[in-house]
């Protein structure tokens, strides 16, 4: 799930993603001129024994979410951090005077 909220002082927009079960190396944030693209993948392997045979089932799911950026936002101004199972993006709020 994705949540958007303004920081208490109103200077930043905070976007948080629930990344439960996603490894750090399986998530990526890329910058485009007017947006951020957050992509991640979840890999699951299940193993089952049937007599002398071992059956392995591997499932990989890929996701992405596009976050529009306020006009004039520069890449250097965007901050990303991971807080437990959540990815947090901090973006300057264009409603504030710079």
Protein backbone atom coordinates (compact mmCIF):
# COMPACT_ATOMS: atom_id res chain seq x y z
CA UNK A 1 0.00 0.00 0.00
CA UNK A 2 1.06 3.60 -0.61
CA UNK A 3 0.33 6.53 1.70
CA UNK A 4 0.81 10.25 1.04
CA UNK A 5 0.98 12.82 3.83
CA UNK A 6 2.40 16.24 4.52
CA UNK A 7 5.12 16.65 7.17
CA UNK A 8 3.98 18.40 10.39
CA UNK A 9 5.70 21.65 9.32
CA UNK A 10 4.22 21.42 5.80
CA UNK A 11 7.60 21.71 4.09
CA UNK A 12 7.69 18.14 2.73
CA UNK A 13 5.44 15.54 1.21
CA UNK A 14 6.10 12.08 2.66
CA UNK A 15 5.25 9.05 0.54
CA UNK A 16 5.45 5.69 2.29
CA UNK A 17 5.28 2.24 0.73
CA UNK A 18 4.58 -0.97 2.63
CA UNK A 19 7.49 -3.22 1.60
CA UNK A 20 6.85 -6.18 3.89
CA UNK A 21 8.88 -9.14 2.69
CA UNK A 22 10.84 -7.13 0.09
CA UNK A 23 14.64 -7.25 0.31
CA UNK A 24 16.58 -4.01 -0.06
CA UNK A 25 18.25 -5.25 -3.25
CA UNK A 26 14.82 -5.98 -4.77
CA UNK A 27 13.54 -2.37 -4.59
CA UNK A 28 14.54 0.52 -6.82
CA UNK A 29 13.67 4.22 -7.05
CA UNK A 30 14.35 5.93 -10.36
CA UNK A 31 14.03 9.61 -11.19
CA UNK A 32 12.31 10.90 -14.31
CA UNK A 33 11.96 14.61 -15.08
CA UNK A 34 8.48 14.98 -13.58
CA UNK A 35 8.07 11.78 -11.55
CA UNK A 36 9.64 9.05 -9.46
CA UNK A 37 9.15 5.41 -10.37
CA UNK A 38 9.33 2.98 -7.45
CA UNK A 39 9.67 -0.65 -8.49
CA UNK A 40 10.12 -3.81 -6.47
CA UNK A 41 9.80 -7.54 -6.76
CA UNK A 42 8.76 -10.31 -4.43
CA UNK A 43 10.16 -13.78 -4.89
CA UNK A 44 8.72 -16.85 -3.21
CA UNK A 45 9.95 -20.44 -3.45
CA UNK A 46 7.85 -23.33 -2.20
CA UNK A 47 9.16 -26.85 -1.85
CA UNK A 48 7.09 -30.01 -1.48
CA UNK A 49 8.17 -33.66 -1.16
CA UNK A 50 6.23 -36.44 -2.80
CA UNK A 51 7.94 -39.72 -2.02
CA UNK A 52 11.43 -39.58 -3.53
CA UNK A 53 10.59 -36.49 -5.60
CA UNK A 54 11.06 -32.86 -4.55
CA UNK A 55 8.84 -30.31 -6.27
CA UNK A 56 9.95 -26.67 -6.25
CA UNK A 57 7.68 -23.86 -7.31
CA UNK A 58 9.21 -20.42 -7.77
CA UNK A 59 7.03 -17.33 -8.11
CA UNK A 60 8.32 -13.83 -8.92
CA UNK A 61 5.98 -10.85 -8.88
CA UNK A 62 7.04 -7.40 -10.08
CA UNK A 63 5.37 -4.15 -9.08
CA UNK A 64 5.85 -0.47 -9.85
CA UNK A 65 4.26 2.78 -8.76
CA UNK A 66 4.70 6.23 -10.29
CA UNK A 67 4.77 9.27 -8.00
CA UNK A 68 4.28 12.65 -9.70
CA UNK A 69 6.72 15.30 -8.48
CA UNK A 70 5.83 18.90 -7.68
CA UNK A 71 6.93 21.27 -10.44
CA UNK A 72 10.59 22.27 -10.17
CA UNK A 73 11.64 19.41 -7.87
CA UNK A 74 15.27 18.40 -8.39
CA UNK A 75 16.67 14.91 -7.91
CA UNK A 76 19.06 16.14 -5.19
CA UNK A 77 16.07 17.30 -3.11
CA UNK A 78 14.39 13.89 -2.91
CA UNK A 79 15.34 11.67 0.04
CA UNK A 80 14.66 7.95 0.39
CA UNK A 81 14.99 5.86 3.54
CA UNK A 82 13.83 2.54 4.83
CA UNK A 83 12.12 2.30 8.20
CA UNK A 84 11.64 -1.37 9.04
CA UNK A 85 9.27 -2.70 6.39
CA UNK A 86 8.44 0.73 4.94
CA UNK A 87 10.15 2.71 2.18
CA UNK A 88 9.83 6.45 2.85
CA UNK A 89 10.30 9.12 0.18
CA UNK A 90 10.58 12.72 1.32
CA UNK A 91 9.85 15.28 -1.39
CA UNK A 92 9.91 19.09 -0.96
CA UNK A 93 6.40 20.52 -0.94
CA UNK A 94 6.03 23.05 -3.76
CA UNK A 95 3.38 24.95 -1.76
CA UNK A 96 6.16 26.20 0.54
CA UNK A 97 8.26 29.19 -0.47
CA UNK A 98 11.84 28.13 -1.16
